[in-house]
């Protein structure tokens, strides 16, 4: 389902404005912080990558946004499984 299908856009770390806070150790100077992100690399067959890129572009969507949406749906569906202790 596309984000444009009547839903509000999800906050996107690339589009978030930088937060400004004041650090007393720096004389009250503004300190800019950005949301923490983690880079993921994955191997995808070239033909699949090219088809995905073309399909995303044809819809005016960004490949990263599409993948993030699917990852969020997966996490929402399956949640975080507790780690099993060692014996």
Foldseek 3Di string as FASTA:
>chain_A
DDCPPPHDDDDDQVPDDWDWDFDVVVVRDTDTDGDDDDDDDDDDPPVVVVVLVVVCVVVPHDSVSVVVVVVVVVCVVPPDDDDDDDD
